[in-house]
Amino acid sequence: MNGLTFNIARQRAAFAVTVSLLLGACASTPPPKTVDPETPDAVPVTQTTANPLAINDPLEGLNRRVYRFNALADRYVLMPVVQVYRKATPGFARTGVQNFFSNLGEINTFANSVLQAKPKSSAVTLSRFVINSTVGLAGLFDPASAIGLEQYNEDFGQTLGYYGVGAGPYLVLPFFGPSSLRDTAGLAADQGLFYVLDPLQLQDNDAARWAYLTMYAINKRDSVNFRYYQTGSPFEYTLVRLVYMNYRALQVEQ
């Protein structure tokens, strides 16, 4: 696997939380190396396997069914849209879109770096955001990386972990995958902060808000190198669960 490597006010808040739960986990999903071009139509959802790390997964039966649902949604809805996007959009433009959303992500990274009392990442992240938002033309370009400013990634799930909150039960969120109880709460908090700050002034512009959310979803799926059932292993659910939980534990420790 490669590196592991979102009354009107109430409705908007609920919508923001929902989007965060559906989209946010995708970025943390570990991509497998092997490729199987077809997602099987019949994948067992009740299969179990020994887990040497005893990951807390009390909802495994439900999680496996959500995992299969995600695989089908990915195959028949998300990836066809992304493939059209890739064919219709030049590579440099897709890179610009990725830079734009990455720059907006610096807002939550900065907030969580401050909450975790990390002065270096706070200062670097703030500098990156200012430089890329100005010289980088609203984040379409990334001059901050070109001058050696390292990009950090912090979220509220990591902040909770930093202060000793356990991951809690493993969860598979609809559409975009692995999470935990702590990370789900963290995603909701991060997206809630973003919508409260409203840096793009989308609150009173429904068309712009929907355009933003659509491009956010497309870019998120385009930028994650993961396809369901590509590992060639009948234990893919267990592998993804294992890698995700260990990856998040490492992020919290950093």
C-alpha atoms as a PDB file:
ATOM      1  CA  MET A   1       0.000   0.000   0.000  1.00  0.00           C
ATOM      2  CA  ASN A   2       1.083   3.503  -0.761  1.00  0.00           C
ATOM      3  CA  GLY A   3       1.071   6.458   1.448  1.00  0.00           C
ATOM      4  CA  LEU A   4      -1.658   7.207   3.278  1.00  0.00           C
ATOM      5  CA  THR A   5      -0.858   9.535   1.725  1.00  0.00           C
ATOM      6  CA  PHE A   6     -16.130  17.891   4.462  1.00  0.00           C
ATOM      7  CA  ASN A   7     -34.716  27.421   9.794  1.00  0.00           C
ATOM      8  CA  ILE A   8     -31.514  28.223   7.195  1.00  0.00           C
ATOM      9  CA  ALA A   9     -28.746  28.378   9.777  1.00  0.00           C
ATOM     10  CA  ARG A  10     -29.745  25.011  11.227  1.00  0.00           C
ATOM     11  CA  GLN A  11     -30.190  23.448   7.782  1.00  0.00           C
ATOM     12  CA  ARG A  12     -26.807  24.725   6.650  1.00  0.00           C
ATOM     13  CA  ALA A  13     -25.112  23.422   9.776  1.00  0.00           C
ATOM     14  CA  ALA A  14     -26.740  20.012   9.347  1.00  0.00           C
ATOM     15  CA  PHE A  15     -25.800  19.961   5.684  1.00  0.00           C
ATOM     16  CA  ALA A  16     -22.191  20.858   6.474  1.00  0.00           C
ATOM     17  CA  VAL A  17     -21.925  18.071   9.032  1.00  0.00           C
ATOM     18  CA  THR A  18     -23.465  15.556   6.619  1.00  0.00           C
ATOM     19  CA  VAL A  19     -21.066  16.506   3.844  1.00  0.00           C
ATOM     20  CA  SER A  20     -18.126  16.272   6.227  1.00  0.00           C
ATOM     21  CA  LEU A  21     -19.124  12.762   7.265  1.00  0.00           C
ATOM     22  CA  LEU A  22     -19.577  11.593   3.708  1.00  0.00           C
ATOM     23  CA  LEU A  23     -16.472  13.187   2.234  1.00  0.00           C
ATOM     24  CA  GLY A  24     -13.873  13.638   4.885  1.00  0.00           C
ATOM     25  CA  ALA A  25     -12.885  10.029   5.494  1.00  0.00           C
ATOM     26  CA  CYS A  26     -11.935   9.444   1.893  1.00  0.00           C
ATOM     27  CA  ALA A  27      -8.690  11.370   2.224  1.00  0.00           C
ATOM     28  CA  SER A  28      -7.432   8.977   4.863  1.00  0.00           C
ATOM     29  CA  THR A  29      -8.222   5.755   3.007  1.00  0.00           C
ATOM     30  CA  PRO A  30      -5.066   3.773   2.190  1.00  0.00           C
ATOM     31  CA  PRO A  31      -4.664   2.935  -1.529  1.00  0.00           C
ATOM     32  CA  PRO A  32      -3.678  -0.647  -2.396  1.00  0.00           C
ATOM     33  CA  LYS A  33      -1.067  -1.354  -5.073  1.00  0.00           C
ATOM     34  CA  THR A  34      -2.685  -4.068  -7.122  1.00  0.00           C
ATOM     35  CA  VAL A  35      -5.390  -3.347  -9.669  1.00  0.00           C
ATOM     36  CA  ASP A  36      -8.538  -5.267 -10.432  1.00  0.00           C
ATOM     37  CA  PRO A  37     -10.486  -3.301 -13.070  1.00  0.00           C
ATOM     38  CA  GLU A  38     -13.828  -4.752 -12.037  1.00  0.00           C
ATOM     39  CA  THR A  39     -15.579  -4.486  -8.700  1.00  0.00           C
ATOM     40  CA  PRO A  40     -17.243  -7.839  -7.980  1.00  0.00           C
ATOM     41  CA  ASP A  41     -21.013  -7.847  -7.831  1.00  0.00           C
ATOM     42  CA  ALA A  42     -20.999 -10.554  -5.175  1.00  0.00           C
ATOM     43  CA  VAL A  43     -18.691  -9.787  -2.284  1.00  0.00           C
ATOM     44  CA  PRO A  44     -19.194 -11.475   1.078  1.00  0.00           C
ATOM     45  CA  VAL A  45     -20.278  -9.077   3.781  1.00  0.00           C
ATOM     46  CA  THR A  46     -20.335 -11.410   6.755  1.00  0.00           C
ATOM     47  CA  GLN A  47     -16.848 -12.819   6.441  1.00  0.00           C
ATOM     48  CA  THR A  48     -14.638 -12.461   9.495  1.00  0.00           C
ATOM     49  CA  THR A  49     -10.949 -12.988  10.063  1.00  0.00           C
ATOM     50  CA  ALA A  50      -8.674 -12.977  13.071  1.00  0.00           C
ATOM     51  CA  ASN A  51      -7.385  -9.544  13.905  1.00  0.00           C
ATOM     52  CA  PRO A  52      -4.120  -9.639  15.857  1.00  0.00           C
ATOM     53  CA  LEU A  53      -4.510  -6.033  17.040  1.00  0.00           C
ATOM     54  CA  ALA A  54      -8.090  -6.593  18.255  1.00  0.00           C
ATOM     55  CA  ILE A  55      -9.434  -3.425  16.675  1.00  0.00           C
ATOM     56  CA  ASN A  56     -12.704  -2.378  18.275  1.00  0.00           C
ATOM     57  CA  ASP A  57     -15.330  -3.035  15.597  1.00  0.00           C
ATOM     58  CA  PRO A  58     -18.602  -3.850  17.388  1.00  0.00           C
ATOM     59  CA  LEU A  59     -20.624  -2.855  14.306  1.00  0.00           C
ATOM     60  CA  GLU A  60     -18.636  -5.057  11.928  1.00  0.00           C
ATOM     61  CA  GLY A  61     -21.676  -6.588  10.278  1.00  0.00           C
ATOM     62  CA  LEU A  62     -23.154  -3.172   9.489  1.00  0.00           C
ATOM     63  CA  ASN A  63     -19.746  -1.735   8.592  1.00  0.00           C
ATOM     64  CA  ARG A  64     -19.147  -4.503   6.060  1.00  0.00           C
ATOM     65  CA  ARG A  65     -22.478  -3.780   4.401  1.00  0.00           C
ATOM     66  CA  VAL A  66     -21.697  -0.058   4.252  1.00  0.00           C
ATOM     67  CA  TYR A  67     -18.297  -0.960   2.791  1.00  0.00           C
ATOM     68  CA  ARG A  68     -19.981  -2.953   0.034  1.00  0.00           C
ATOM     69  CA  PHE A  69     -22.457  -0.132  -0.578  1.00  0.00           C
ATOM     70  CA  ASN A  70     -19.529   2.259  -0.886  1.00  0.00           C
ATOM     71  CA  ALA A  71     -17.870  -0.045  -3.408  1.00  0.00           C
ATOM     72  CA  LEU A  72     -20.985  -0.114  -5.582  1.00  0.00           C
ATOM     73  CA  ALA A  73     -21.516   3.654  -5.301  1.00  0.00           C
ATOM     74  CA  ASP A  74     -17.881   4.198  -6.200  1.00  0.00           C
ATOM     75  CA  ARG A  75     -18.077   1.925  -9.221  1.00  0.00           C
ATOM     76  CA  TYR A  76     -21.365   3.141 -10.659  1.00  0.00           C
ATOM     77  CA  VAL A  77     -21.523   6.802  -9.585  1.00  0.00           C
ATOM     78  CA  LEU A  78     -18.339   8.403  -8.270  1.00  0.00           C
ATOM     79  CA  MET A  79     -15.702   6.949 -10.573  1.00  0.00           C
ATOM     80  CA  PRO A  80     -17.700   7.478 -13.788  1.00  0.00           C
ATOM     81  CA  VAL A  81     -18.037  11.162 -12.848  1.00  0.00           C
ATOM     82  CA  VAL A  82     -14.339  11.381 -12.013  1.00  0.00           C
ATOM     83  CA  GLN A  83     -13.372   9.701 -15.288  1.00  0.00           C
ATOM     84  CA  VAL A  84     -15.387  12.278 -17.242  1.00  0.00           C
ATOM     85  CA  TYR A  85     -13.744  15.020 -15.187  1.00  0.00           C
ATOM     86  CA  ARG A  86     -10.282  13.644 -15.959  1.00  0.00           C
ATOM     87  CA  LYS A  87     -10.982  13.444 -19.682  1.00  0.00           C
ATOM     88  CA  ALA A  88     -12.528  16.908 -19.860  1.00  0.00           C
ATOM     89  CA  THR A  89     -10.045  18.750 -17.640  1.00  0.00           C
ATOM     90  CA  PRO A  90      -6.360  19.294 -18.498  1.00  0.00           C
ATOM     91  CA  GLY A  91      -3.849  18.058 -15.963  1.00  0.00           C
ATOM     92  CA  PHE A  92      -2.659  21.534 -15.017  1.00  0.00           C
ATOM     93  CA  ALA A  93      -6.239  22.610 -14.302  1.00  0.00           C
ATOM     94  CA  ARG A  94      -6.876  19.580 -12.096  1.00  0.00           C
ATOM     95  CA  THR A  95      -3.654  20.385 -10.230  1.00  0.00           C
ATOM     96  CA  GLY A  96      -4.923  23.925  -9.723  1.00  0.00           C
ATOM     97  CA  VAL A  97      -8.196  22.629  -8.308  1.00  0.00           C
ATOM     98  CA  GLN A  98      -6.315  20.317  -5.950  1.00  0.00           C
ATOM     99  CA  ASN A  99      -4.117  23.225  -4.837  1.00  0.00           C
ATOM    100  CA  PHE A 100      -7.186  25.379  -4.239  1.00  0.00           C
ATOM    101  CA  PHE A 101      -8.852  22.882  -1.921  1.00  0.00           C
ATOM    102  CA  SER A 102      -5.557  22.020  -0.259  1.00  0.00           C
ATOM    103  CA  ASN A 103      -5.060  25.701   0.520  1.00  0.00           C
ATOM    104  CA  LEU A 104      -8.501  25.908   2.118  1.00  0.00           C
ATOM    105  CA  GLY A 105      -7.548  22.891   4.201  1.00  0.00           C
ATOM    106  CA  GLU A 106      -4.781  24.949   5.775  1.00  0.00           C
ATOM    107  CA  ILE A 107      -7.484  26.739   7.787  1.00  0.00           C
ATOM    108  CA  ASN A 108      -8.339  23.636   9.794  1.00  0.00           C
ATOM    109  CA  THR A 109      -4.705  22.591  10.011  1.00  0.00           C
ATOM    110  CA  PHE A 110      -3.798  25.973  11.490  1.00  0.00           C
ATOM    111  CA  ALA A 111      -6.677  25.891  13.991  1.00  0.00           C
ATOM    112  CA  ASN A 112      -5.781  22.391  15.157  1.00  0.00           C
ATOM    113  CA  SER A 113      -2.061  23.153  15.300  1.00  0.00           C
ATOM    114  CA  VAL A 114      -2.873  26.033  17.642  1.00  0.00           C
ATOM    115  CA  LEU A 115      -5.153  23.815  19.737  1.00  0.00           C
ATOM    116  CA  GLN A 116      -2.340  21.277  20.023  1.00  0.00           C
ATOM    117  CA  ALA A 117       0.176  23.997  20.995  1.00  0.00           C
ATOM    118  CA  LYS A 118       2.449  23.271  18.036  1.00  0.00           C
ATOM    119  CA  PRO A 119       4.120  26.612  17.277  1.00  0.00           C
ATOM    120  CA  LYS A 120       6.178  25.432  14.300  1.00  0.00           C
ATOM    121  CA  SER A 121       3.325  23.874  12.347  1.00  0.00           C
ATOM    122  CA  SER A 122       1.066  26.799  13.293  1.00  0.00           C
ATOM    123  CA  ALA A 123       3.535  29.372  11.953  1.00  0.00           C
ATOM    124  CA  VAL A 124       4.383  27.412   8.816  1.00  0.00           C
ATOM    125  CA  THR A 125       0.732  26.676   8.040  1.00  0.00           C
ATOM    126  CA  LEU A 126      -0.274  30.314   8.464  1.00  0.00           C
ATOM    127  CA  SER A 127       2.624  31.390   6.227  1.00  0.00           C
ATOM    128  CA  ARG A 128       1.632  28.852   3.580  1.00  0.00           C
ATOM    129  CA  PHE A 129      -1.962  30.060   3.593  1.00  0.00           C
ATOM    130  CA  VAL A 130      -1.007  33.739   3.268  1.00  0.00           C
ATOM    131  CA  ILE A 131       1.529  33.112   0.487  1.00  0.00           C
ATOM    132  CA  ASN A 132      -0.619  30.716  -1.519  1.00  0.00           C
ATOM    133  CA  SER A 133      -3.742  32.860  -1.113  1.00  0.00           C
ATOM    134  CA  THR A 134      -1.948  35.924  -2.478  1.00  0.00           C
ATOM    135  CA  VAL A 135       1.053  35.078  -4.624  1.00  0.00           C
ATOM    136  CA  GLY A 136      -0.543  31.733  -5.464  1.00  0.00           C
ATOM    137  CA  LEU A 137      -3.723  33.380  -6.781  1.00  0.00           C
ATOM    138  CA  ALA A 138      -6.276  32.169  -4.234  1.00  0.00           C
ATOM    139  CA  GLY A 139      -4.428  28.891  -3.819  1.00  0.00           C
ATOM    140  CA  LEU A 140      -4.468  27.784  -7.453  1.00  0.00           C
ATOM    141  CA  PHE A 141      -0.674  27.645  -7.284  1.00  0.00           C
ATOM    142  CA  ASP A 142       1.606  26.475  -4.491  1.00  0.00           C
ATOM    143  CA  PRO A 143       4.604  28.819  -4.267  1.00  0.00           C
ATOM    144  CA  ALA A 144       4.897  28.076  -0.533  1.00  0.00           C
ATOM    145  CA  SER A 145       6.076  24.533  -1.259  1.00  0.00           C
ATOM    146  CA  ALA A 146       8.450  25.855  -3.900  1.00  0.00           C
ATOM    147  CA  ILE A 147      10.251  27.940  -1.285  1.00  0.00           C
ATOM    148  CA  GLY A 148      10.470  25.036   1.131  1.00  0.00           C
ATOM    149  CA  LEU A 149       7.510  25.551   3.469  1.00  0.00           C
ATOM    150  CA  GLU A 150       6.423  22.062   4.481  1.00  0.00           C
ATOM    151  CA  GLN A 151       2.725  21.248   4.465  1.00  0.00           C
ATOM    152  CA  TYR A 152       1.311  19.877   7.715  1.00  0.00           C
ATOM    153  CA  ASN A 153      -1.963  18.061   8.148  1.00  0.00           C
ATOM    154  CA  GLU A 154      -3.874  18.361  11.399  1.00  0.00           C
ATOM    155  CA  ASP A 155      -7.539  17.782  12.097  1.00  0.00           C
ATOM    156  CA  PHE A 156      -9.768  17.805  15.130  1.00  0.00           C
ATOM    157  CA  GLY A 157      -9.728  14.027  15.369  1.00  0.00           C
ATOM    158  CA  GLN A 158      -5.966  14.289  15.859  1.00  0.00           C
ATOM    159  CA  THR A 159      -6.480  17.087  18.361  1.00  0.00           C
ATOM    160  CA  LEU A 160      -8.836  14.912  20.396  1.00  0.00           C
ATOM    161  CA  GLY A 161      -6.282  12.113  20.252  1.00  0.00           C
ATOM    162  CA  TYR A 162      -3.525  14.508  21.289  1.00  0.00           C
ATOM    163  CA  TYR A 163      -5.436  15.194  24.487  1.00  0.00           C
ATOM    164  CA  GLY A 164      -5.967  11.519  25.205  1.00  0.00           C
ATOM    165  CA  VAL A 165      -9.359  10.787  23.646  1.00  0.00           C
ATOM    166  CA  GLY A 166      -9.373   7.215  22.378  1.00  0.00           C
ATOM    167  CA  ALA A 167     -10.312   6.344  18.813  1.00  0.00           C
ATOM    168  CA  GLY A 168     -13.435   4.515  19.921  1.00  0.00           C
ATOM    169  CA  PRO A 169     -15.241   2.004  17.718  1.00  0.00           C
ATOM    170  CA  TYR A 170     -14.256   1.652  14.082  1.00  0.00           C
ATOM    171  CA  LEU A 171     -16.861   2.989  11.676  1.00  0.00           C
ATOM    172  CA  VAL A 172     -17.371   2.851   7.933  1.00  0.00           C
ATOM    173  CA  LEU A 173     -19.142   6.005   6.800  1.00  0.00           C
ATOM    174  CA  PRO A 174     -21.506   5.926   3.817  1.00  0.00           C
ATOM    175  CA  PHE A 175     -19.901   6.704   0.456  1.00  0.00           C
ATOM    176  CA  PHE A 176     -16.315   7.455   1.448  1.00  0.00           C
ATOM    177  CA  GLY A 177     -15.162   4.940   3.947  1.00  0.00           C
ATOM    178  CA  PRO A 178     -13.130   4.283   7.071  1.00  0.00           C
ATOM    179  CA  SER A 179     -13.361   6.348  10.224  1.00  0.00           C
ATOM    180  CA  SER A 180     -13.820   5.951  13.970  1.00  0.00           C
ATOM    181  CA  LEU A 181     -16.133   7.502  16.499  1.00  0.00           C
ATOM    182  CA  ARG A 182     -13.465  10.056  17.459  1.00  0.00           C
ATOM    183  CA  ASP A 183     -12.591  10.868  13.844  1.00  0.00           C
ATOM    184  CA  THR A 184     -16.238  11.217  12.861  1.00  0.00           C
ATOM    185  CA  ALA A 185     -16.729  13.781  15.619  1.00  0.00           C
ATOM    186  CA  GLY A 186     -13.519  15.477  14.524  1.00  0.00           C
ATOM    187  CA  LEU A 187     -14.633  15.698  10.913  1.00  0.00           C
ATOM    188  CA  ALA A 188     -17.918  17.263  11.955  1.00  0.00           C
ATOM    189  CA  ALA A 189     -16.063  19.834  14.081  1.00  0.00           C
ATOM    190  CA  ASP A 190     -13.586  20.684  11.312  1.00  0.00           C
ATOM    191  CA  GLN A 191     -16.283  21.173   8.712  1.00  0.00           C
ATOM    192  CA  GLY A 192     -18.412  23.082  11.194  1.00  0.00           C
ATOM    193  CA  LEU A 193     -15.526  25.510  11.746  1.00  0.00           C
ATOM    194  CA  PHE A 194     -15.045  25.940   8.020  1.00  0.00           C
ATOM    195  CA  TYR A 195     -18.704  26.757   7.438  1.00  0.00           C
ATOM    196  CA  VAL A 196     -18.843  29.119  10.396  1.00  0.00           C
ATOM    197  CA  LEU A 197     -15.808  31.017   9.079  1.00  0.00           C
ATOM    198  CA  ASP A 198     -17.196  30.831   5.529  1.00  0.00           C
ATOM    199  CA  PRO A 199     -13.934  32.006   3.867  1.00  0.00           C
ATOM    200  CA  LEU A 200     -15.495  31.864   0.397  1.00  0.00           C
ATOM    201  CA  GLN A 201     -18.637  33.749   1.431  1.00  0.00           C
ATOM    202  CA  LEU A 202     -20.967  30.963   0.304  1.00  0.00           C
ATOM    203  CA  GLN A 203     -23.663  31.371   2.943  1.00  0.00           C
ATOM    204  CA  ASP A 204     -25.920  33.594   0.851  1.00  0.00           C
ATOM    205  CA  ASN A 205     -25.139  32.122  -2.559  1.00  0.00           C
ATOM    206  CA  ASP A 206     -26.814  28.772  -3.097  1.00  0.00           C
ATOM    207  CA  ALA A 207     -25.472  28.286  -6.637  1.00  0.00           C
ATOM    208  CA  ALA A 208     -21.891  28.950  -5.563  1.00  0.00           C
ATOM    209  CA  ARG A 209     -22.259  26.702  -2.519  1.00  0.00           C
ATOM    210  CA  TRP A 210     -23.519  23.772  -4.584  1.00  0.00           C
ATOM    211  CA  ALA A 211     -20.805  24.335  -7.187  1.00  0.00           C
ATOM    212  CA  TYR A 212     -18.207  24.327  -4.412  1.00  0.00           C
ATOM    213  CA  LEU A 213     -19.565  21.129  -2.842  1.00  0.00           C
ATOM    214  CA  THR A 214     -19.732  19.373  -6.210  1.00  0.00           C
ATOM    215  CA  MET A 215     -16.153  20.264  -7.086  1.00  0.00           C
ATOM    216  CA  TYR A 216     -15.037  19.379  -3.560  1.00  0.00           C
ATOM    217  CA  ALA A 217     -16.474  15.878  -3.948  1.00  0.00           C
ATOM    218  CA  ILE A 218     -15.059  15.367  -7.449  1.00  0.00           C
ATOM    219  CA  ASN A 219     -11.623  16.644  -6.495  1.00  0.00           C
ATOM    220  CA  LYS A 220     -11.574  14.571  -3.310  1.00  0.00           C
ATOM    221  CA  ARG A 221     -12.295  11.364  -5.230  1.00  0.00           C
ATOM    222  CA  ASP A 222      -9.916  12.306  -8.048  1.00  0.00           C
ATOM    223  CA  SER A 223      -7.021  12.895  -5.664  1.00  0.00           C
ATOM    224  CA  VAL A 224      -7.320   9.651  -3.691  1.00  0.00           C
ATOM    225  CA  ASN A 225      -5.572   6.665  -5.255  1.00  0.00           C
ATOM    226  CA  PHE A 226      -7.939   3.985  -4.028  1.00  0.00           C
ATOM    227  CA  ARG A 227     -10.307   1.563  -5.716  1.00  0.00           C
ATOM    228  CA  TYR A 228     -12.411  -0.919  -3.859  1.00  0.00           C
ATOM    229  CA  TYR A 229     -11.503  -4.602  -4.225  1.00  0.00           C
ATOM    230  CA  GLN A 230      -8.174  -3.966  -5.923  1.00  0.00           C
ATOM    231  CA  THR A 231      -6.069  -5.829  -3.400  1.00  0.00           C
ATOM    232  CA  GLY A 232      -7.071  -9.206  -4.749  1.00  0.00           C
ATOM    233  CA  SER A 233      -7.550 -10.303  -1.143  1.00  0.00           C
ATOM    234  CA  PRO A 234     -10.806 -11.682   0.288  1.00  0.00           C
ATOM    235  CA  PHE A 235      -9.810  -9.889   3.498  1.00  0.00           C
ATOM    236  CA  GLU A 236      -9.711  -6.373   2.054  1.00  0.00           C
ATOM    237  CA  TYR A 237     -12.133  -4.999   4.650  1.00  0.00           C
ATOM    238  CA  THR A 238      -9.812  -6.182   7.424  1.00  0.00           C
ATOM    239  CA  LEU A 239      -6.726  -4.804   5.658  1.00  0.00           C
ATOM    240  CA  VAL A 240      -8.279  -1.379   5.175  1.00  0.00           C
ATOM    241  CA  ARG A 241      -9.451  -1.320   8.780  1.00  0.00           C
ATOM    242  CA  LEU A 242      -6.012  -2.305  10.052  1.00  0.00           C
ATOM    243  CA  VAL A 243      -4.095   0.209   7.953  1.00  0.00           C
ATOM    244  CA  TYR A 244      -6.517   3.044   8.640  1.00  0.00           C
ATOM    245  CA  MET A 245      -6.524   2.631  12.413  1.00  0.00           C
ATOM    246  CA  ASN A 246      -2.747   2.295  12.594  1.00  0.00           C
ATOM    247  CA  TYR A 247      -2.237   5.264  10.259  1.00  0.00           C
ATOM    248  CA  ARG A 248      -4.451   7.449  12.429  1.00  0.00           C
ATOM    249  CA  ALA A 249      -2.645   6.310  15.562  1.00  0.00           C
ATOM    250  CA  LEU A 250       0.663   7.358  13.974  1.00  0.00           C
ATOM    251  CA  GLN A 251      -0.786  10.736  13.003  1.00  0.00           C
ATOM    252  CA  VAL A 252      -1.887  11.362  16.573  1.00  0.00           C
ATOM    253  CA  GLU A 253       1.575  10.501  17.879  1.00  0.00           C
ATOM    254  CA  GLN A 254       3.385  12.919  15.554  1.00  0.00           C
END
